Amino acid sequence: VFFIIVSVTGVMVTVVFAKSSGNEGTFFGILLMLISVLGGSINNVLSRKYSTYFSSVEITYTMLCLGAVIFTCISLIQGIFDRQVLEAYLIPFRSG
């Protein structure tokens, strides 16, 4: 809990100093930064908790599979909005 508070405070300090230097961020950017900090903190807490039940290889494998599924879904959704589902999905396979 302490380190989550420190991380969120760090984001707030970054935002305050950015505004004082004239570089104002957007609300969406600040929100994404906060979500990133909270996600990283939750990841650290949960990985420490579940490391007693699962090996590091199992945790890494699960994270990689979830990442592949989530980013594939994001790519397909983006392709649907751009009306180029197959084109957007196959772009990475064209480059060696």
PDB file of N, CA and C in Angstrom:
ATOM      1  N   VAL A   1       0.833  -1.190   0.000  1.00  0.00           N
ATOM      2  CA  VAL A   1       0.000   0.000   0.000  1.00  0.00           C
ATOM      3  C   VAL A   1       0.874   1.248   0.000  1.00  0.00           C
ATOM      4  N   PHE A   2       1.956   1.210   0.777  1.00  0.00           N
ATOM      5  CA  PHE A   2       2.860   2.363   0.841  1.00  0.00           C
ATOM      6  C   PHE A   2       3.436   2.689  -0.532  1.00  0.00           C
ATOM      7  N   PHE A   3       3.883   1.657  -1.251  1.00  0.00           N
ATOM      8  CA  PHE A   3       4.509   1.900  -2.546  1.00  0.00           C
ATOM      9  C   PHE A   3       3.497   2.316  -3.610  1.00  0.00           C
ATOM     10  N   ILE A   4       2.268   1.874  -3.489  1.00  0.00           N
ATOM     11  CA  ILE A   4       1.223   2.358  -4.396  1.00  0.00           C
ATOM     12  C   ILE A   4       1.018   3.851  -4.170  1.00  0.00           C
ATOM     13  N   ILE A   5       0.960   4.252  -2.898  1.00  0.00           N
ATOM     14  CA  ILE A   5       0.798   5.673  -2.572  1.00  0.00           C
ATOM     15  C   ILE A   5       1.981   6.479  -3.090  1.00  0.00           C
ATOM     16  N   VAL A   6       3.196   5.947  -2.928  1.00  0.00           N
ATOM     17  CA  VAL A   6       4.389   6.650  -3.417  1.00  0.00           C
ATOM     18  C   VAL A   6       4.349   6.781  -4.939  1.00  0.00           C
ATOM     19  N   SER A   7       3.918   5.727  -5.646  1.00  0.00           N
ATOM     20  CA  SER A   7       3.850   5.780  -7.107  1.00  0.00           C
ATOM     21  C   SER A   7       2.824   6.797  -7.588  1.00  0.00           C
ATOM     22  N   VAL A   8       1.652   6.792  -6.966  1.00  0.00           N
ATOM     23  CA  VAL A   8       0.614   7.750  -7.357  1.00  0.00           C
ATOM     24  C   VAL A   8       1.060   9.171  -7.041  1.00  0.00           C
ATOM     25  N   THR A   9       1.723   9.357  -5.907  1.00  0.00           N
ATOM     26  CA  THR A   9       2.259  10.673  -5.561  1.00  0.00           C
ATOM     27  C   THR A   9       3.299  11.121  -6.593  1.00  0.00           C
ATOM     28  N   GLY A  10       4.109  10.188  -7.071  1.00  0.00           N
ATOM     29  CA  GLY A  10       5.084  10.506  -8.106  1.00  0.00           C
ATOM     30  C   GLY A  10       4.434  10.985  -9.390  1.00  0.00           C
ATOM     31  N   VAL A  11       3.333  10.348  -9.755  1.00  0.00           N
ATOM     32  CA  VAL A  11       2.592  10.794 -10.945  1.00  0.00           C
ATOM     33  C   VAL A  11       2.045  12.193 -10.729  1.00  0.00           C
ATOM     34  N   MET A  12       1.500  12.443  -9.546  1.00  0.00           N
ATOM     35  CA  MET A  12       0.953  13.770  -9.253  1.00  0.00           C
ATOM     36  C   MET A  12       2.046  14.836  -9.282  1.00  0.00           C
ATOM     37  N   VAL A  13       3.209  14.533  -8.735  1.00  0.00           N
ATOM     38  CA  VAL A  13       4.318  15.491  -8.752  1.00  0.00           C
ATOM     39  C   VAL A  13       4.745  15.757 -10.191  1.00  0.00           C
ATOM     40  N   THR A  14       4.806  14.706 -11.009  1.00  0.00           N
ATOM     41  CA  THR A  14       5.163  14.871 -12.417  1.00  0.00           C
ATOM     42  C   THR A  14       4.178  15.788 -13.126  1.00  0.00           C
ATOM     43  N   VAL A  15       2.902  15.596 -12.855  1.00  0.00           N
ATOM     44  CA  VAL A  15       1.871  16.425 -13.481  1.00  0.00           C
ATOM     45  C   VAL A  15       1.996  17.872 -13.030  1.00  0.00           C
ATOM     46  N   VAL A  16       2.225  18.092 -11.741  1.00  0.00           N
ATOM     47  CA  VAL A  16       2.343  19.458 -11.206  1.00  0.00           C
ATOM     48  C   VAL A  16       3.546  20.163 -11.818  1.00  0.00           C
ATOM     49  N   PHE A  17       4.701  19.473 -11.886  1.00  0.00           N
ATOM     50  CA  PHE A  17       5.885  20.110 -12.461  1.00  0.00           C
ATOM     51  C   PHE A  17       5.736  20.330 -13.960  1.00  0.00           C
ATOM     52  N   ALA A  18       4.996  19.458 -14.642  1.00  0.00           N
ATOM     53  CA  ALA A  18       4.758  19.658 -16.076  1.00  0.00           C
ATOM     54  C   ALA A  18       3.917  20.907 -16.299  1.00  0.00           C
ATOM     55  N   LYS A  19       2.931  21.119 -15.436  1.00  0.00           N
ATOM     56  CA  LYS A  19       2.090  22.317 -15.583  1.00  0.00           C
ATOM     57  C   LYS A  19       2.872  23.581 -15.259  1.00  0.00           C
ATOM     58  N   SER A  20       3.766  23.513 -14.266  1.00  0.00           N
ATOM     59  CA  SER A  20       4.522  24.707 -13.897  1.00  0.00           C
ATOM     60  C   SER A  20       5.570  25.062 -14.953  1.00  0.00           C
ATOM     61  N   SER A  21       6.004  24.076 -15.746  1.00  0.00           N
ATOM     62  CA  SER A  21       6.980  24.365 -16.789  1.00  0.00           C
ATOM     63  C   SER A  21       6.315  24.726 -18.115  1.00  0.00           C
ATOM     64  N   GLY A  22       4.983  24.705 -18.145  1.00  0.00           N
ATOM     65  CA  GLY A  22       4.264  25.085 -19.360  1.00  0.00           C
ATOM     66  C   GLY A  22       3.879  23.921 -20.241  1.00  0.00           C
ATOM     67  N   ASN A  23       4.265  22.711 -19.881  1.00  0.00           N
ATOM     68  CA  ASN A  23       3.910  21.526 -20.661  1.00  0.00           C
ATOM     69  C   ASN A  23       2.700  20.858 -20.019  1.00  0.00           C
ATOM     70  N   GLU A  24       1.531  21.288 -20.412  1.00  0.00           N
ATOM     71  CA  GLU A  24       0.327  20.693 -19.838  1.00  0.00           C
ATOM     72  C   GLU A  24      -0.046  19.436 -20.592  1.00  0.00           C
ATOM     73  N   GLY A  25      -0.284  18.365 -19.839  1.00  0.00           N
ATOM     74  CA  GLY A  25      -0.717  17.125 -20.446  1.00  0.00           C
ATOM     75  C   GLY A  25      -2.220  17.095 -20.568  1.00  0.00           C
ATOM     76  N   THR A  26      -2.699  16.203 -21.372  1.00  0.00           N
ATOM     77  CA  THR A  26      -4.138  16.047 -21.496  1.00  0.00           C
ATOM     78  C   THR A  26      -4.660  15.211 -20.342  1.00  0.00           C
ATOM     79  N   PHE A  27      -5.938  15.322 -20.082  1.00  0.00           N
ATOM     80  CA  PHE A  27      -6.552  14.530 -19.025  1.00  0.00           C
ATOM     81  C   PHE A  27      -6.425  13.046 -19.330  1.00  0.00           C
ATOM     82  N   PHE A  28      -6.585  12.675 -20.593  1.00  0.00           N
ATOM     83  CA  PHE A  28      -6.481  11.273 -20.997  1.00  0.00           C
ATOM     84  C   PHE A  28      -5.072  10.738 -20.746  1.00  0.00           C
ATOM     85  N   GLY A  29      -4.059  11.537 -21.032  1.00  0.00           N
ATOM     86  CA  GLY A  29      -2.680  11.121 -20.795  1.00  0.00           C
ATOM     87  C   GLY A  29      -2.387  10.930 -19.322  1.00  0.00           C
ATOM     88  N   ILE A  30      -2.893  11.839 -18.508  1.00  0.00           N
ATOM     89  CA  ILE A  30      -2.704  11.731 -17.064  1.00  0.00           C
ATOM     90  C   ILE A  30      -3.443  10.504 -16.535  1.00  0.00           C
ATOM     91  N   LEU A  31      -4.635  10.264 -17.042  1.00  0.00           N
ATOM     92  CA  LEU A  31      -5.404   9.096 -16.627  1.00  0.00           C
ATOM     93  C   LEU A  31      -4.674   7.807 -16.999  1.00  0.00           C
ATOM     94  N   LEU A  32      -4.113   7.759 -18.202  1.00  0.00           N
ATOM     95  CA  LEU A  32      -3.353   6.580 -18.614  1.00  0.00           C
ATOM     96  C   LEU A  32      -2.124   6.374 -17.743  1.00  0.00           C
ATOM     97  N   MET A  33      -1.464   7.465 -17.340  1.00  0.00           N
ATOM     98  CA  MET A  33      -0.307   7.350 -16.473  1.00  0.00           C
ATOM     99  C   MET A  33      -0.699   6.786 -15.109  1.00  0.00           C
ATOM    100  N   LEU A  34      -1.811   7.246 -14.559  1.00  0.00           N
ATOM    101  CA  LEU A  34      -2.293   6.717 -13.282  1.00  0.00           C
ATOM    102  C   LEU A  34      -2.678   5.245 -13.392  1.00  0.00           C
ATOM    103  N   ILE A  35      -3.345   4.883 -14.465  1.00  0.00           N
ATOM    104  CA  ILE A  35      -3.721   3.483 -14.665  1.00  0.00           C
ATOM    105  C   ILE A  35      -2.473   2.617 -14.789  1.00  0.00           C
ATOM    106  N   SER A  36      -1.458   3.121 -15.465  1.00  0.00           N
ATOM    107  CA  SER A  36      -0.214   2.384 -15.619  1.00  0.00           C
ATOM    108  C   SER A  36       0.466   2.147 -14.271  1.00  0.00           C
ATOM    109  N   VAL A  37       0.501   3.174 -13.446  1.00  0.00           N
ATOM    110  CA  VAL A  37       1.113   3.036 -12.121  1.00  0.00           C
ATOM    111  C   VAL A  37       0.334   2.045 -11.268  1.00  0.00           C
ATOM    112  N   LEU A  38      -0.984   2.175 -11.267  1.00  0.00           N
ATOM    113  CA  LEU A  38      -1.799   1.255 -10.479  1.00  0.00           C
ATOM    114  C   LEU A  38      -1.685  -0.177 -11.003  1.00  0.00           C
ATOM    115  N   GLY A  39      -1.652  -0.340 -12.316  1.00  0.00           N
ATOM    116  CA  GLY A  39      -1.491  -1.668 -12.901  1.00  0.00           C
ATOM    117  C   GLY A  39      -0.159  -2.300 -12.537  1.00  0.00           C
ATOM    118  N   GLY A  40       0.905  -1.513 -12.590  1.00  0.00           N
ATOM    119  CA  GLY A  40       2.216  -2.030 -12.195  1.00  0.00           C
ATOM    120  C   GLY A  40       2.269  -2.412 -10.730  1.00  0.00           C
ATOM    121  N   SER A  41       1.634  -1.604  -9.901  1.00  0.00           N
ATOM    122  CA  SER A  41       1.605  -1.905  -8.470  1.00  0.00           C
ATOM    123  C   SER A  41       0.814  -3.174  -8.190  1.00  0.00           C
ATOM    124  N   ILE A  42      -0.329  -3.298  -8.828  1.00  0.00           N
ATOM    125  CA  ILE A  42      -1.145  -4.501  -8.643  1.00  0.00           C
ATOM    126  C   ILE A  42      -0.408  -5.731  -9.161  1.00  0.00           C
ATOM    127  N   ASN A  43       0.290  -5.589 -10.281  1.00  0.00           N
ATOM    128  CA  ASN A  43       1.077  -6.691 -10.830  1.00  0.00           C
ATOM    129  C   ASN A  43       2.140  -7.143  -9.830  1.00  0.00           C
ATOM    130  N   ASN A  44       2.844  -6.206  -9.216  1.00  0.00           N
ATOM    131  CA  ASN A  44       3.874  -6.574  -8.245  1.00  0.00           C
ATOM    132  C   ASN A  44       3.287  -7.303  -7.046  1.00  0.00           C
ATOM    133  N   VAL A  45       2.169  -6.796  -6.533  1.00  0.00           N
ATOM    134  CA  VAL A  45       1.546  -7.423  -5.366  1.00  0.00           C
ATOM    135  C   VAL A  45       1.047  -8.825  -5.700  1.00  0.00           C
ATOM    136  N   LEU A  46       0.342  -8.965  -6.825  1.00  0.00           N
ATOM    137  CA  LEU A  46      -0.209 -10.268  -7.182  1.00  0.00           C
ATOM    138  C   LEU A  46       0.872 -11.276  -7.554  1.00  0.00           C
ATOM    139  N   SER A  47       1.921 -10.824  -8.241  1.00  0.00           N
ATOM    140  CA  SER A  47       2.981 -11.773  -8.603  1.00  0.00           C
ATOM    141  C   SER A  47       3.720 -12.262  -7.367  1.00  0.00           C
ATOM    142  N   ARG A  48       3.877 -11.419  -6.370  1.00  0.00           N
ATOM    143  CA  ARG A  48       4.495 -11.860  -5.121  1.00  0.00           C
ATOM    144  C   ARG A  48       3.591 -12.862  -4.405  1.00  0.00           C
ATOM    145  N   LYS A  49       2.278 -12.601  -4.429  1.00  0.00           N
ATOM    146  CA  LYS A  49       1.330 -13.488  -3.764  1.00  0.00           C
ATOM    147  C   LYS A  49       1.280 -14.853  -4.444  1.00  0.00           C
ATOM    148  N   TYR A  50       1.176 -14.859  -5.773  1.00  0.00           N
ATOM    149  CA  TYR A  50       1.011 -16.111  -6.494  1.00  0.00           C
ATOM    150  C   TYR A  50       2.315 -16.849  -6.746  1.00  0.00           C
ATOM    151  N   SER A  51       3.443 -16.249  -6.438  1.00  0.00           N
ATOM    152  CA  SER A  51       4.716 -16.957  -6.621  1.00  0.00           C
ATOM    153  C   SER A  51       4.864 -18.098  -5.633  1.00  0.00           C
ATOM    154  N   THR A  52       4.053 -18.110  -4.579  1.00  0.00           N
ATOM    155  CA  THR A  52       4.088 -19.247  -3.652  1.00  0.00           C
ATOM    156  C   THR A  52       3.321 -20.441  -4.206  1.00  0.00           C
ATOM    157  N   TYR A  53       2.370 -20.198  -5.125  1.00  0.00           N
ATOM    158  CA  TYR A  53       1.555 -21.267  -5.689  1.00  0.00           C
ATOM    159  C   TYR A  53       2.046 -21.743  -7.045  1.00  0.00           C
ATOM    160  N   PHE A  54       2.630 -20.853  -7.827  1.00  0.00           N
ATOM    161  CA  PHE A  54       3.033 -21.175  -9.192  1.00  0.00           C
ATOM    162  C   PHE A  54       4.506 -20.848  -9.384  1.00  0.00           C
ATOM    163  N   SER A  55       5.133 -21.549 -10.323  1.00  0.00           N
ATOM    164  CA  SER A  55       6.536 -21.261 -10.633  1.00  0.00           C
ATOM    165  C   SER A  55       6.628 -20.006 -11.492  1.00  0.00           C
ATOM    166  N   SER A  56       7.819 -19.459 -11.584  1.00  0.00           N
ATOM    167  CA  SER A  56       7.991 -18.247 -12.395  1.00  0.00           C
ATOM    168  C   SER A  56       7.742 -18.521 -13.877  1.00  0.00           C
ATOM    169  N   VAL A  57       8.019 -19.737 -14.321  1.00  0.00           N
ATOM    170  CA  VAL A  57       7.762 -20.098 -15.712  1.00  0.00           C
ATOM    171  C   VAL A  57       6.257 -20.110 -15.987  1.00  0.00           C
ATOM    172  N   GLU A  58       5.478 -20.645 -15.061  1.00  0.00           N
ATOM    173  CA  GLU A  58       4.026 -20.674 -15.242  1.00  0.00           C
ATOM    174  C   GLU A  58       3.434 -19.266 -15.247  1.00  0.00           C
ATOM    175  N   ILE A  59       3.924 -18.406 -14.375  1.00  0.00           N
ATOM    176  CA  ILE A  59       3.437 -17.026 -14.332  1.00  0.00           C
ATOM    177  C   ILE A  59       3.788 -16.294 -15.617  1.00  0.00           C
ATOM    178  N   THR A  60       5.027 -16.467 -16.082  1.00  0.00           N
ATOM    179  CA  THR A  60       5.460 -15.812 -17.314  1.00  0.00           C
ATOM    180  C   THR A  60       4.665 -16.316 -18.511  1.00  0.00           C
ATOM    181  N   TYR A  61       4.444 -17.630 -18.581  1.00  0.00           N
ATOM    182  CA  TYR A  61       3.671 -18.210 -19.679  1.00  0.00           C
ATOM    183  C   TYR A  61       2.247 -17.652 -19.700  1.00  0.00           C
ATOM    184  N   THR A  62       1.635 -17.571 -18.532  1.00  0.00           N
ATOM    185  CA  THR A  62       0.274 -17.039 -18.442  1.00  0.00           C
ATOM    186  C   THR A  62       0.228 -15.579 -18.868  1.00  0.00           C
ATOM    187  N   MET A  63       1.211 -14.784 -18.435  1.00  0.00           N
ATOM    188  CA  MET A  63       1.255 -13.372 -18.823  1.00  0.00           C
ATOM    189  C   MET A  63       1.418 -13.222 -20.331  1.00  0.00           C
ATOM    190  N   LEU A  64       2.280 -14.045 -20.934  1.00  0.00           N
ATOM    191  CA  LEU A  64       2.481 -13.975 -22.379  1.00  0.00           C
ATOM    192  C   LEU A  64       1.217 -14.366 -23.138  1.00  0.00           C
ATOM    193  N   CYS A  65       0.533 -15.413 -22.683  1.00  0.00           N
ATOM    194  CA  CYS A  65      -0.706 -15.833 -23.348  1.00  0.00           C
ATOM    195  C   CYS A  65      -1.784 -14.766 -23.224  1.00  0.00           C
ATOM    196  N   LEU A  66      -1.935 -14.201 -22.028  1.00  0.00           N
ATOM    197  CA  LEU A  66      -2.929 -13.143 -21.850  1.00  0.00           C
ATOM    198  C   LEU A  66      -2.607 -11.930 -22.707  1.00  0.00           C
ATOM    199  N   GLY A  67      -1.328 -11.570 -22.782  1.00  0.00           N
ATOM    200  CA  GLY A  67      -0.924 -10.449 -23.627  1.00  0.00           C
ATOM    201  C   GLY A  67      -1.237 -10.709 -25.091  1.00  0.00           C
ATOM    202  N   ALA A  68      -0.969 -11.934 -25.551  1.00  0.00           N
ATOM    203  CA  ALA A  68      -1.254 -12.271 -26.945  1.00  0.00           C
ATOM    204  C   ALA A  68      -2.746 -12.192 -27.235  1.00  0.00           C
ATOM    205  N   VAL A  69      -3.556 -12.710 -26.335  1.00  0.00           N
ATOM    206  CA  VAL A  69      -5.007 -12.688 -26.542  1.00  0.00           C
ATOM    207  C   VAL A  69      -5.533 -11.257 -26.503  1.00  0.00           C
ATOM    208  N   ILE A  70      -5.104 -10.474 -25.516  1.00  0.00           N
ATOM    209  CA  ILE A  70      -5.605  -9.105 -25.364  1.00  0.00           C
ATOM    210  C   ILE A  70      -5.190  -8.229 -26.547  1.00  0.00           C
ATOM    211  N   PHE A  71      -3.907  -8.306 -26.942  1.00  0.00           N
ATOM    212  CA  PHE A  71      -3.456  -7.448 -28.042  1.00  0.00           C
ATOM    213  C   PHE A  71      -4.004  -7.914 -29.386  1.00  0.00           C
ATOM    214  N   THR A  72      -4.291  -9.205 -29.544  1.00  0.00           N
ATOM    215  CA  THR A  72      -4.953  -9.669 -30.757  1.00  0.00           C
ATOM    216  C   THR A  72      -6.367  -9.117 -30.828  1.00  0.00           C
ATOM    217  N   CYS A  73      -7.069  -9.129 -29.698  1.00  0.00           N
ATOM    218  CA  CYS A  73      -8.422  -8.558 -29.666  1.00  0.00           C
ATOM    219  C   CYS A  73      -8.396  -7.066 -29.971  1.00  0.00           C
ATOM    220  N   ILE A  74      -7.435  -6.348 -29.406  1.00  0.00           N
ATOM    221  CA  ILE A  74      -7.316  -4.916 -29.692  1.00  0.00           C
ATOM    222  C   ILE A  74      -7.052  -4.690 -31.174  1.00  0.00           C
ATOM    223  N   SER A  75      -6.187  -5.507 -31.766  1.00  0.00           N
ATOM    224  CA  SER A  75      -5.883  -5.372 -33.192  1.00  0.00           C
ATOM    225  C   SER A  75      -7.113  -5.648 -34.050  1.00  0.00           C
ATOM    226  N   LEU A  76      -7.869  -6.664 -33.681  1.00  0.00           N
ATOM    227  CA  LEU A  76      -9.071  -6.968 -34.452  1.00  0.00           C
ATOM    228  C   LEU A  76     -10.121  -5.875 -34.314  1.00  0.00           C
ATOM    229  N   ILE A  77     -10.283  -5.337 -33.122  1.00  0.00           N
ATOM    230  CA  ILE A  77     -11.239  -4.247 -32.918  1.00  0.00           C
ATOM    231  C   ILE A  77     -10.818  -3.012 -33.706  1.00  0.00           C
ATOM    232  N   GLN A  78      -9.520  -2.711 -33.687  1.00  0.00           N
ATOM    233  CA  GLN A  78      -9.021  -1.572 -34.460  1.00  0.00           C
ATOM    234  C   GLN A  78      -9.245  -1.812 -35.953  1.00  0.00           C
ATOM    235  N   GLY A  79      -9.046  -3.033 -36.408  1.00  0.00           N
ATOM    236  CA  GLY A  79      -9.282  -3.349 -37.806  1.00  0.00           C
ATOM    237  C   GLY A  79     -10.746  -3.219 -38.187  1.00  0.00           C
ATOM    238  N   ILE A  80     -11.642  -3.571 -37.260  1.00  0.00           N
ATOM    239  CA  ILE A  80     -13.077  -3.417 -37.535  1.00  0.00           C
ATOM    240  C   ILE A  80     -13.432  -1.943 -37.683  1.00  0.00           C
ATOM    241  N   PHE A  81     -12.892  -1.099 -36.801  1.00  0.00           N
ATOM    242  CA  PHE A  81     -13.184   0.334 -36.894  1.00  0.00           C
ATOM    243  C   PHE A  81     -12.582   0.961 -38.145  1.00  0.00           C
ATOM    244  N   ASP A  82     -11.421   0.466 -38.575  1.00  0.00           N
ATOM    245  CA  ASP A  82     -10.784   0.986 -39.788  1.00  0.00           C
ATOM    246  C   ASP A  82     -11.324   0.314 -41.056  1.00  0.00           C
ATOM    247  N   ARG A  83     -12.198  -0.674 -40.884  1.00  0.00           N
ATOM    248  CA  ARG A  83     -12.788  -1.448 -41.975  1.00  0.00           C
ATOM    249  C   ARG A  83     -11.738  -2.179 -42.800  1.00  0.00           C
ATOM    250  N   GLN A  84     -10.678  -2.601 -42.131  1.00  0.00           N
ATOM    251  CA  GLN A  84      -9.618  -3.381 -42.776  1.00  0.00           C
ATOM    252  C   GLN A  84      -9.157  -4.463 -41.805  1.00  0.00           C
ATOM    253  N   VAL A  85     -10.070  -5.333 -41.409  1.00  0.00           N
ATOM    254  CA  VAL A  85      -9.758  -6.333 -40.395  1.00  0.00           C
ATOM    255  C   VAL A  85      -8.614  -7.229 -40.834  1.00  0.00           C
ATOM    256  N   LEU A  86      -8.737  -7.846 -41.982  1.00  0.00           N
ATOM    257  CA  LEU A  86      -7.717  -8.777 -42.449  1.00  0.00           C
ATOM    258  C   LEU A  86      -6.414  -8.052 -42.743  1.00  0.00           C
ATOM    259  N   GLU A  87      -6.514  -6.888 -43.335  1.00  0.00           N
ATOM    260  CA  GLU A  87      -5.320  -6.105 -43.683  1.00  0.00           C
ATOM    261  C   GLU A  87      -4.538  -5.711 -42.430  1.00  0.00           C
ATOM    262  N   ALA A  88      -5.231  -5.214 -41.402  1.00  0.00           N
ATOM    263  CA  ALA A  88      -4.572  -4.787 -40.163  1.00  0.00           C
ATOM    264  C   ALA A  88      -3.986  -5.978 -39.420  1.00  0.00           C
ATOM    265  N   TYR A  89      -4.652  -7.117 -39.494  1.00  0.00           N
ATOM    266  CA  TYR A  89      -4.188  -8.283 -38.755  1.00  0.00           C
ATOM    267  C   TYR A  89      -2.973  -8.925 -39.401  1.00  0.00           C
ATOM    268  N   LEU A  90      -2.848  -8.859 -40.719  1.00  0.00           N
ATOM    269  CA  LEU A  90      -1.775  -9.547 -41.423  1.00  0.00           C
ATOM    270  C   LEU A  90      -0.524  -8.694 -41.642  1.00  0.00           C
ATOM    271  N   ILE A  91      -0.551  -7.432 -41.334  1.00  0.00           N
ATOM    272  CA  ILE A  91       0.609  -6.550 -41.557  1.00  0.00           C
ATOM    273  C   ILE A  91       1.886  -7.095 -40.889  1.00  0.00           C
ATOM    274  N   PRO A  92       1.862  -7.522 -39.631  1.00  0.00           N
ATOM    275  CA  PRO A  92       3.106  -7.993 -39.024  1.00  0.00           C
ATOM    276  C   PRO A  92       3.673  -9.240 -39.682  1.00  0.00           C
ATOM    277  N   PHE A  93       2.854 -10.033 -40.342  1.00  0.00           N
ATOM    278  CA  PHE A  93       3.337 -11.286 -40.961  1.00  0.00           C
ATOM    279  C   PHE A  93       4.032 -11.036 -42.301  1.00  0.00           C
ATOM    280  N   ARG A  94       3.987  -9.832 -42.809  1.00  0.00           N
ATOM    281  CA  ARG A  94       4.617  -9.527 -44.100  1.00  0.00           C
ATOM    282  C   ARG A  94       6.093  -9.211 -43.964  1.00  0.00           C
ATOM    283  N   SER A  95       6.546  -8.899 -42.775  1.00  0.00           N
ATOM    284  CA  SER A  95       7.936  -8.513 -42.568  1.00  0.00           C
ATOM    285  C   SER A  95       8.690  -9.642 -41.881  1.00  0.00           C
ATOM    286  N   GLY A  96       9.817 -10.006 -42.440  1.00  0.00           N
ATOM    287  CA  GLY A  96      10.639 -11.079 -41.857  1.00  0.00           C
ATOM    288  C   GLY A  96      11.303 -10.631 -40.610  1.00  0.00           C
TER     289      GLY A  96
END
